N, C-alpha and C. Protein backbone atom coordinates (compact mmCIF):
# COMPACT_ATOMS: atom_id res chain seq x y z
N PRO A 1 0.80 -1.22 0.00
CA PRO A 1 0.00 0.00 0.00
C PRO A 1 0.84 1.27 0.00
N TRP A 2 2.13 1.22 0.35
CA TRP A 2 2.95 2.42 0.38
C TRP A 2 3.68 2.66 -0.91
N ILE A 3 3.43 1.82 -1.91
CA ILE A 3 4.08 2.00 -3.21
C ILE A 3 3.05 2.52 -4.20
N GLU A 4 3.31 3.70 -4.78
CA GLU A 4 2.38 4.25 -5.77
C GLU A 4 2.52 3.51 -7.09
N ARG A 5 3.70 3.53 -7.65
CA ARG A 5 4.06 2.75 -8.83
C ARG A 5 5.50 2.36 -8.59
N PHE A 6 5.94 1.24 -9.14
CA PHE A 6 7.29 0.83 -8.81
C PHE A 6 7.95 0.09 -9.96
N GLY A 7 9.25 -0.05 -9.84
CA GLY A 7 10.04 -0.70 -10.85
C GLY A 7 10.44 -2.09 -10.44
N PHE A 8 11.61 -2.50 -10.88
CA PHE A 8 12.09 -3.86 -10.64
C PHE A 8 12.78 -3.95 -9.29
N PRO A 9 12.32 -4.84 -8.42
CA PRO A 9 13.00 -5.00 -7.13
C PRO A 9 14.32 -5.75 -7.30
N VAL A 10 15.26 -5.43 -6.44
CA VAL A 10 16.56 -6.08 -6.44
C VAL A 10 16.86 -6.54 -5.02
N CYS A 11 17.28 -7.81 -4.87
CA CYS A 11 17.71 -8.32 -3.57
C CYS A 11 19.20 -8.10 -3.41
N ARG A 12 19.57 -7.60 -2.25
CA ARG A 12 20.98 -7.36 -1.95
C ARG A 12 21.15 -7.47 -0.43
N ASP A 13 22.11 -8.28 -0.02
CA ASP A 13 22.41 -8.45 1.41
C ASP A 13 21.17 -8.79 2.24
N GLY A 14 20.30 -9.64 1.68
CA GLY A 14 19.13 -10.08 2.42
C GLY A 14 17.99 -9.09 2.50
N LYS A 15 18.08 -8.01 1.74
CA LYS A 15 17.02 -7.01 1.74
C LYS A 15 16.58 -6.76 0.30
N LEU A 16 15.39 -6.23 0.16
CA LEU A 16 14.82 -5.93 -1.13
C LEU A 16 14.84 -4.42 -1.32
N TYR A 17 15.26 -3.95 -2.51
CA TYR A 17 15.31 -2.53 -2.81
C TYR A 17 14.49 -2.26 -4.05
N ILE A 18 13.77 -1.13 -4.01
CA ILE A 18 12.90 -0.80 -5.14
C ILE A 18 12.70 0.72 -5.21
N ALA A 19 12.72 1.22 -6.45
CA ALA A 19 12.44 2.64 -6.70
C ALA A 19 10.97 2.77 -7.07
N SER A 20 10.30 3.77 -6.51
CA SER A 20 8.91 4.02 -6.79
C SER A 20 8.76 5.42 -7.37
N HIS A 21 7.55 5.92 -7.42
CA HIS A 21 7.26 7.21 -8.03
C HIS A 21 8.23 8.31 -7.58
N SER A 22 8.36 8.52 -6.30
CA SER A 22 9.29 9.52 -5.78
C SER A 22 10.00 9.01 -4.53
N HIS A 23 10.15 7.68 -4.43
CA HIS A 23 10.75 7.05 -3.26
C HIS A 23 11.77 5.99 -3.66
N PHE A 24 12.62 5.69 -2.70
CA PHE A 24 13.49 4.52 -2.79
C PHE A 24 13.30 3.77 -1.48
N PHE A 25 12.96 2.48 -1.57
CA PHE A 25 12.60 1.70 -0.40
C PHE A 25 13.60 0.58 -0.14
N GLU A 26 13.78 0.28 1.16
CA GLU A 26 14.47 -0.92 1.62
C GLU A 26 13.42 -1.73 2.36
N VAL A 27 13.23 -2.99 1.93
CA VAL A 27 12.13 -3.80 2.44
C VAL A 27 12.66 -5.14 2.94
N GLU A 28 12.06 -5.63 4.01
CA GLU A 28 12.36 -6.97 4.50
C GLU A 28 11.58 -7.94 3.60
N PRO A 29 12.27 -8.81 2.84
CA PRO A 29 11.58 -9.59 1.81
C PRO A 29 10.59 -10.64 2.33
N ARG A 30 10.79 -11.19 3.50
CA ARG A 30 9.88 -12.24 3.99
C ARG A 30 8.55 -11.67 4.47
N THR A 31 8.60 -10.49 5.07
CA THR A 31 7.38 -9.91 5.64
C THR A 31 6.82 -8.76 4.79
N GLY A 32 7.64 -8.14 3.97
CA GLY A 32 7.21 -6.96 3.22
C GLY A 32 7.26 -5.69 4.03
N ARG A 33 7.81 -5.78 5.23
CA ARG A 33 7.89 -4.60 6.11
C ARG A 33 8.93 -3.62 5.56
N MET A 34 8.52 -2.35 5.47
CA MET A 34 9.43 -1.32 5.01
C MET A 34 10.44 -1.01 6.13
N LEU A 35 11.73 -1.09 5.80
CA LEU A 35 12.78 -0.82 6.77
C LEU A 35 13.23 0.64 6.70
N ARG A 36 13.46 1.12 5.49
CA ARG A 36 13.86 2.52 5.29
C ARG A 36 13.25 3.02 3.98
N GLN A 37 13.11 4.34 3.92
CA GLN A 37 12.68 4.93 2.67
C GLN A 37 13.33 6.30 2.49
N LYS A 38 13.60 6.62 1.25
CA LYS A 38 14.10 7.94 0.89
C LYS A 38 13.03 8.58 0.02
N VAL A 39 12.56 9.76 0.42
CA VAL A 39 11.60 10.50 -0.37
C VAL A 39 12.36 11.59 -1.11
N PHE A 40 12.19 11.62 -2.42
CA PHE A 40 12.90 12.60 -3.25
C PHE A 40 12.03 13.82 -3.50
N PRO A 41 12.65 14.98 -3.67
CA PRO A 41 11.89 16.19 -4.01
C PRO A 41 11.61 16.27 -5.52
N PHE A 42 11.70 15.14 -6.19
CA PHE A 42 11.46 15.08 -7.63
C PHE A 42 10.90 13.71 -7.97
N SER A 43 10.41 13.57 -9.18
CA SER A 43 9.81 12.32 -9.63
C SER A 43 10.88 11.39 -10.18
N VAL A 44 10.86 10.14 -9.74
CA VAL A 44 11.74 9.13 -10.31
C VAL A 44 11.07 8.58 -11.57
N ASN A 45 9.94 7.90 -11.41
CA ASN A 45 9.11 7.42 -12.53
C ASN A 45 9.86 6.72 -13.65
N CYS A 46 11.04 6.21 -13.40
CA CYS A 46 11.75 5.37 -14.37
C CYS A 46 11.88 4.01 -13.72
N TYR A 47 11.14 3.07 -14.24
CA TYR A 47 10.96 1.83 -13.52
C TYR A 47 11.88 0.73 -14.02
N HIS A 48 13.12 0.81 -13.62
CA HIS A 48 14.08 -0.24 -13.93
C HIS A 48 14.85 -0.54 -12.66
N GLN A 49 15.64 -1.58 -12.69
CA GLN A 49 16.32 -2.00 -11.48
C GLN A 49 17.51 -1.09 -11.16
N PRO A 50 17.72 -0.83 -9.89
CA PRO A 50 18.88 -0.06 -9.48
C PRO A 50 20.17 -0.86 -9.65
N LEU A 51 21.25 -0.14 -9.86
CA LEU A 51 22.59 -0.73 -9.90
C LEU A 51 23.25 -0.44 -8.57
N PHE A 52 23.86 -1.46 -7.96
CA PHE A 52 24.58 -1.29 -6.71
C PHE A 52 26.07 -1.43 -6.98
N VAL A 53 26.82 -0.44 -6.52
CA VAL A 53 28.27 -0.46 -6.62
C VAL A 53 28.80 -0.01 -5.26
N GLY A 54 29.43 -0.93 -4.56
CA GLY A 54 29.92 -0.61 -3.22
C GLY A 54 28.79 -0.20 -2.31
N ASP A 55 28.90 0.97 -1.70
CA ASP A 55 27.90 1.45 -0.76
C ASP A 55 26.93 2.45 -1.38
N ARG A 56 26.75 2.35 -2.72
CA ARG A 56 25.84 3.27 -3.40
C ARG A 56 24.91 2.53 -4.35
N ALA A 57 23.73 3.13 -4.55
CA ALA A 57 22.76 2.62 -5.53
C ALA A 57 22.53 3.72 -6.56
N TYR A 58 22.34 3.30 -7.83
CA TYR A 58 22.16 4.23 -8.93
C TYR A 58 20.94 3.81 -9.74
N PHE A 59 20.11 4.79 -10.12
CA PHE A 59 18.96 4.53 -10.98
C PHE A 59 18.54 5.85 -11.62
N GLY A 60 17.67 5.74 -12.61
CA GLY A 60 17.28 6.91 -13.37
C GLY A 60 16.08 7.64 -12.78
N SER A 61 15.85 8.85 -13.31
CA SER A 61 14.69 9.65 -12.94
C SER A 61 14.16 10.35 -14.19
N VAL A 62 13.01 10.98 -14.06
CA VAL A 62 12.39 11.62 -15.21
C VAL A 62 13.06 12.93 -15.59
N LYS A 63 13.39 13.76 -14.62
CA LYS A 63 13.92 15.09 -14.95
C LYS A 63 15.29 15.37 -14.34
N ASN A 64 15.81 14.45 -13.54
CA ASN A 64 17.10 14.67 -12.88
C ASN A 64 18.18 13.71 -13.32
N GLY A 65 17.96 12.95 -14.39
CA GLY A 65 18.97 12.04 -14.90
C GLY A 65 19.28 10.91 -13.93
N LEU A 66 20.57 10.67 -13.71
CA LEU A 66 21.01 9.60 -12.83
C LEU A 66 20.93 10.03 -11.38
N VAL A 67 20.39 9.14 -10.54
CA VAL A 67 20.24 9.38 -9.11
C VAL A 67 21.21 8.47 -8.37
N CYS A 68 21.88 9.01 -7.36
CA CYS A 68 22.79 8.24 -6.52
C CYS A 68 22.28 8.29 -5.08
N VAL A 69 22.17 7.11 -4.45
CA VAL A 69 21.75 7.00 -3.05
C VAL A 69 22.86 6.33 -2.27
N ASP A 70 23.28 6.96 -1.17
CA ASP A 70 24.26 6.37 -0.26
C ASP A 70 23.53 5.32 0.56
N MET A 71 23.96 4.08 0.47
CA MET A 71 23.25 2.98 1.12
C MET A 71 23.45 2.94 2.63
N LYS A 72 24.49 3.58 3.14
CA LYS A 72 24.70 3.61 4.59
C LYS A 72 23.74 4.61 5.25
N THR A 73 23.61 5.78 4.64
CA THR A 73 22.82 6.86 5.24
C THR A 73 21.46 7.06 4.59
N PHE A 74 21.26 6.50 3.42
CA PHE A 74 20.07 6.70 2.58
C PHE A 74 19.95 8.17 2.15
N ASP A 75 21.06 8.87 2.13
CA ASP A 75 21.10 10.25 1.65
C ASP A 75 21.27 10.28 0.15
N LEU A 76 21.06 11.44 -0.44
CA LEU A 76 21.18 11.67 -1.87
C LEU A 76 22.44 12.52 -2.10
N PRO A 77 23.60 11.88 -2.37
CA PRO A 77 24.83 12.66 -2.57
C PRO A 77 24.79 13.55 -3.81
N TRP A 78 24.17 13.02 -4.89
CA TRP A 78 24.12 13.81 -6.12
C TRP A 78 23.12 13.21 -7.11
N THR A 79 22.75 14.04 -8.07
CA THR A 79 22.07 13.59 -9.28
C THR A 79 22.90 14.10 -10.44
N ALA A 80 22.84 13.42 -11.56
CA ALA A 80 23.63 13.79 -12.74
C ALA A 80 22.68 13.96 -13.93
N PRO A 81 22.51 15.17 -14.42
CA PRO A 81 21.52 15.41 -15.47
C PRO A 81 21.94 14.86 -16.83
N VAL A 82 20.94 14.66 -17.67
CA VAL A 82 21.13 14.34 -19.07
C VAL A 82 20.47 15.47 -19.87
N GLU A 83 20.66 15.45 -21.18
CA GLU A 83 20.06 16.48 -22.03
C GLU A 83 18.57 16.20 -22.21
N GLU A 84 17.85 17.16 -22.77
CA GLU A 84 16.41 17.01 -22.95
C GLU A 84 16.09 15.90 -23.95
N ALA A 85 15.09 15.10 -23.62
CA ALA A 85 14.69 13.95 -24.44
C ALA A 85 14.17 14.40 -25.80
N GLN A 86 14.42 13.57 -26.81
CA GLN A 86 13.90 13.83 -28.15
C GLN A 86 12.40 13.56 -28.21
N PHE A 87 11.92 12.65 -27.40
CA PHE A 87 10.49 12.38 -27.29
C PHE A 87 10.22 11.79 -25.92
N CYS A 88 8.97 11.81 -25.53
CA CYS A 88 8.57 11.23 -24.25
C CYS A 88 7.39 10.32 -24.49
N ALA A 89 7.50 9.08 -24.07
CA ALA A 89 6.45 8.09 -24.31
C ALA A 89 5.39 8.06 -23.22
N MET A 90 5.59 8.80 -22.15
CA MET A 90 4.62 8.77 -21.05
C MET A 90 3.78 10.05 -21.09
N ASN A 91 2.49 9.90 -21.30
CA ASN A 91 1.63 11.07 -21.47
C ASN A 91 1.40 11.87 -20.20
N TYR A 92 1.75 11.36 -19.05
CA TYR A 92 1.53 12.09 -17.80
C TYR A 92 2.77 12.90 -17.38
N ILE A 93 3.78 12.94 -18.23
CA ILE A 93 4.98 13.71 -17.93
C ILE A 93 5.07 14.87 -18.91
N ARG A 94 5.28 16.06 -18.40
CA ARG A 94 5.33 17.26 -19.22
C ARG A 94 6.77 17.70 -19.44
N PRO A 95 7.08 18.20 -20.64
CA PRO A 95 8.43 18.70 -20.94
C PRO A 95 8.77 19.88 -20.04
N PRO A 96 10.03 20.16 -19.83
CA PRO A 96 11.18 19.45 -20.38
C PRO A 96 11.43 18.14 -19.63
N VAL A 97 11.78 17.11 -20.37
CA VAL A 97 12.05 15.79 -19.80
C VAL A 97 13.54 15.49 -19.99
N ARG A 98 14.23 15.30 -18.90
CA ARG A 98 15.65 14.95 -18.91
C ARG A 98 15.77 13.56 -18.28
N GLN A 99 15.16 12.63 -18.98
CA GLN A 99 14.92 11.30 -18.46
C GLN A 99 16.08 10.34 -18.73
N LEU A 100 16.32 9.52 -17.74
CA LEU A 100 17.23 8.40 -17.91
C LEU A 100 16.37 7.16 -17.89
N SER A 101 16.07 6.62 -19.06
CA SER A 101 15.14 5.50 -19.16
C SER A 101 15.84 4.16 -19.15
N SER A 102 17.10 4.15 -18.85
CA SER A 102 17.92 2.96 -18.90
C SER A 102 18.35 2.54 -17.51
N ALA A 103 18.35 1.24 -17.26
CA ALA A 103 18.98 0.74 -16.05
C ALA A 103 20.49 0.94 -16.23
N PRO A 104 21.16 1.53 -15.26
CA PRO A 104 22.60 1.74 -15.39
C PRO A 104 23.38 0.44 -15.27
N ALA A 105 24.60 0.47 -15.82
CA ALA A 105 25.50 -0.68 -15.76
C ALA A 105 26.90 -0.17 -15.44
N LEU A 106 27.66 -0.97 -14.73
CA LEU A 106 29.06 -0.63 -14.44
C LEU A 106 29.94 -1.22 -15.52
N TRP A 107 30.76 -0.37 -16.14
CA TRP A 107 31.67 -0.81 -17.19
C TRP A 107 32.91 0.06 -17.14
N LYS A 108 34.07 -0.57 -17.07
CA LYS A 108 35.36 0.12 -17.02
C LYS A 108 35.41 1.16 -15.90
N GLY A 109 34.82 0.81 -14.76
CA GLY A 109 34.87 1.67 -13.57
C GLY A 109 33.92 2.84 -13.58
N LEU A 110 33.07 2.97 -14.59
CA LEU A 110 32.12 4.07 -14.68
C LEU A 110 30.69 3.53 -14.72
N VAL A 111 29.74 4.37 -14.33
CA VAL A 111 28.33 4.02 -14.42
C VAL A 111 27.81 4.51 -15.78
N TRP A 112 27.32 3.59 -16.60
CA TRP A 112 26.87 3.88 -17.96
C TRP A 112 25.36 3.72 -18.06
N ALA A 113 24.73 4.56 -18.89
CA ALA A 113 23.30 4.43 -19.16
C ALA A 113 22.98 5.17 -20.46
N SER A 114 21.89 4.77 -21.08
CA SER A 114 21.45 5.44 -22.30
C SER A 114 20.22 6.29 -21.99
N ALA A 115 19.94 7.26 -22.88
CA ALA A 115 18.86 8.21 -22.61
C ALA A 115 18.08 8.52 -23.88
N PRO A 116 16.84 8.99 -23.72
CA PRO A 116 16.03 9.36 -24.87
C PRO A 116 16.51 10.62 -25.60
N ASP A 117 17.58 11.22 -25.13
CA ASP A 117 18.15 12.37 -25.84
C ASP A 117 19.07 11.94 -26.98
N GLY A 118 19.22 10.63 -27.18
CA GLY A 118 20.05 10.12 -28.27
C GLY A 118 21.50 9.91 -27.89
N ALA A 119 21.76 9.77 -26.59
CA ALA A 119 23.15 9.63 -26.14
C ALA A 119 23.30 8.51 -25.13
N ILE A 120 24.54 8.06 -25.02
CA ILE A 120 24.96 7.10 -24.00
C ILE A 120 25.92 7.85 -23.08
N TYR A 121 25.68 7.76 -21.79
CA TYR A 121 26.44 8.52 -20.80
C TYR A 121 27.29 7.62 -19.93
N ALA A 122 28.37 8.21 -19.40
CA ALA A 122 29.19 7.55 -18.38
C ALA A 122 29.51 8.57 -17.29
N TRP A 123 29.35 8.15 -16.03
CA TRP A 123 29.62 9.02 -14.89
C TRP A 123 30.59 8.36 -13.93
N ASP A 124 31.33 9.20 -13.24
CA ASP A 124 32.17 8.74 -12.13
C ASP A 124 31.22 8.31 -11.01
N PRO A 125 31.31 7.08 -10.52
CA PRO A 125 30.35 6.61 -9.51
C PRO A 125 30.47 7.32 -8.16
N ARG A 126 31.59 7.93 -7.88
CA ARG A 126 31.77 8.62 -6.61
C ARG A 126 31.25 10.06 -6.63
N THR A 127 31.53 10.78 -7.72
CA THR A 127 31.25 12.21 -7.77
C THR A 127 30.04 12.58 -8.63
N GLY A 128 29.64 11.70 -9.54
CA GLY A 128 28.58 12.02 -10.48
C GLY A 128 29.06 12.85 -11.65
N GLU A 129 30.36 13.09 -11.72
CA GLU A 129 30.91 13.88 -12.82
C GLU A 129 30.76 13.10 -14.14
N ARG A 130 30.23 13.79 -15.16
CA ARG A 130 30.07 13.16 -16.46
C ARG A 130 31.45 12.99 -17.10
N ARG A 131 31.75 11.75 -17.49
CA ARG A 131 33.02 11.44 -18.14
C ARG A 131 32.88 11.25 -19.64
N GLU A 132 31.69 10.78 -20.06
CA GLU A 132 31.44 10.55 -21.50
C GLU A 132 30.00 10.91 -21.81
N ARG A 133 29.81 11.41 -23.01
CA ARG A 133 28.48 11.53 -23.62
C ARG A 133 28.67 11.21 -25.08
N ILE A 134 28.20 10.03 -25.48
CA ILE A 134 28.35 9.58 -26.86
C ILE A 134 27.01 9.80 -27.54
N PHE A 135 26.93 10.83 -28.37
CA PHE A 135 25.68 11.15 -29.07
C PHE A 135 25.61 10.34 -30.35
N THR A 136 24.54 9.56 -30.48
CA THR A 136 24.37 8.74 -31.68
C THR A 136 23.21 9.21 -32.54
N GLY A 137 22.38 10.11 -32.00
CA GLY A 137 21.31 10.71 -32.77
C GLY A 137 19.95 10.08 -32.63
N ALA A 138 19.88 8.82 -32.25
CA ALA A 138 18.59 8.14 -32.09
C ALA A 138 18.32 7.94 -30.60
N PRO A 139 17.10 8.18 -30.15
CA PRO A 139 16.80 8.03 -28.72
C PRO A 139 16.91 6.58 -28.26
N TYR A 140 17.19 6.44 -26.98
CA TYR A 140 17.28 5.13 -26.33
C TYR A 140 16.15 5.01 -25.31
N VAL A 141 15.45 3.90 -25.35
CA VAL A 141 14.44 3.61 -24.34
C VAL A 141 14.73 2.29 -23.63
N ALA A 142 15.71 1.55 -24.12
CA ALA A 142 16.10 0.27 -23.52
C ALA A 142 17.41 0.45 -22.75
N SER A 143 17.65 -0.45 -21.82
CA SER A 143 18.85 -0.39 -20.99
C SER A 143 20.08 -0.86 -21.74
N VAL A 144 21.22 -0.35 -21.31
CA VAL A 144 22.50 -0.86 -21.80
C VAL A 144 22.78 -2.17 -21.08
N THR A 145 23.70 -2.95 -21.64
CA THR A 145 24.12 -4.17 -20.97
C THR A 145 25.61 -4.38 -21.20
N VAL A 146 26.24 -5.09 -20.31
CA VAL A 146 27.66 -5.39 -20.41
C VAL A 146 27.83 -6.90 -20.52
N ALA A 147 28.62 -7.31 -21.51
CA ALA A 147 28.94 -8.73 -21.69
C ALA A 147 30.31 -8.84 -22.31
N GLU A 148 31.12 -9.75 -21.78
CA GLU A 148 32.47 -10.00 -22.30
C GLU A 148 33.27 -8.71 -22.45
N ASN A 149 33.20 -7.86 -21.42
CA ASN A 149 33.92 -6.60 -21.35
C ASN A 149 33.56 -5.63 -22.48
N ARG A 150 32.34 -5.74 -22.98
CA ARG A 150 31.83 -4.82 -23.99
C ARG A 150 30.52 -4.22 -23.50
N LEU A 151 30.24 -2.99 -23.93
CA LEU A 151 28.99 -2.32 -23.60
C LEU A 151 28.10 -2.35 -24.84
N TYR A 152 26.85 -2.78 -24.67
CA TYR A 152 25.90 -2.86 -25.78
C TYR A 152 24.72 -1.94 -25.50
N ALA A 153 24.23 -1.30 -26.57
CA ALA A 153 23.06 -0.45 -26.46
C ALA A 153 22.26 -0.54 -27.75
N ALA A 154 20.94 -0.63 -27.62
CA ALA A 154 20.05 -0.68 -28.79
C ALA A 154 19.19 0.58 -28.77
N ASP A 155 19.20 1.32 -29.89
CA ASP A 155 18.43 2.57 -29.93
C ASP A 155 17.02 2.34 -30.47
N PHE A 156 16.25 3.40 -30.51
CA PHE A 156 14.84 3.33 -30.88
C PHE A 156 14.63 2.97 -32.35
N THR A 157 15.66 3.14 -33.19
CA THR A 157 15.54 2.77 -34.61
C THR A 157 15.85 1.31 -34.85
N GLY A 158 16.32 0.60 -33.82
CA GLY A 158 16.64 -0.81 -33.96
C GLY A 158 18.13 -1.08 -34.15
N ARG A 159 18.95 -0.05 -34.14
CA ARG A 159 20.40 -0.25 -34.25
C ARG A 159 20.97 -0.74 -32.93
N MET A 160 21.86 -1.71 -33.04
CA MET A 160 22.61 -2.21 -31.88
C MET A 160 24.02 -1.65 -31.98
N ARG A 161 24.49 -1.08 -30.90
CA ARG A 161 25.86 -0.55 -30.87
C ARG A 161 26.67 -1.34 -29.85
N CYS A 162 27.93 -1.55 -30.18
CA CYS A 162 28.85 -2.26 -29.30
C CYS A 162 30.07 -1.38 -29.09
N PHE A 163 30.45 -1.19 -27.84
CA PHE A 163 31.62 -0.39 -27.48
C PHE A 163 32.63 -1.30 -26.79
N VAL A 164 33.89 -1.15 -27.20
CA VAL A 164 34.96 -1.98 -26.62
C VAL A 164 35.96 -1.13 -25.87
């Protein structure tokens, strides 16, 4: 009852984590009891699984790009913006939309994700500093993935890109 809308839950260290409309929850998986929650002053509304790296969790948001949560304190150290989306598929969201619609992935020590602005981003996981923005011109609505030390991304036109 405390979840408005939610994304993909992830189990980590015996607890369940999930991003909701404007919350990030830590839940006891056997009982469903909420252990901790972080309420954001902005809408997350990007329903994909969070990425955990060390003591931090990373996931997307509608207007604030990549979100970082400190797992020890449940504080918000930073958000990392993306450029304005080329289109928005959700009719209940009004422009400007700086959405990160991709589940992030760790590759070569950076947090990578694709965005509907037609670019693939990489951020420093500690500071949120943008290290790469690879503009390909076609929006991304699917998540990036890492396999065999390569980063893969499929754009909205159906092109698959591989980075080595």
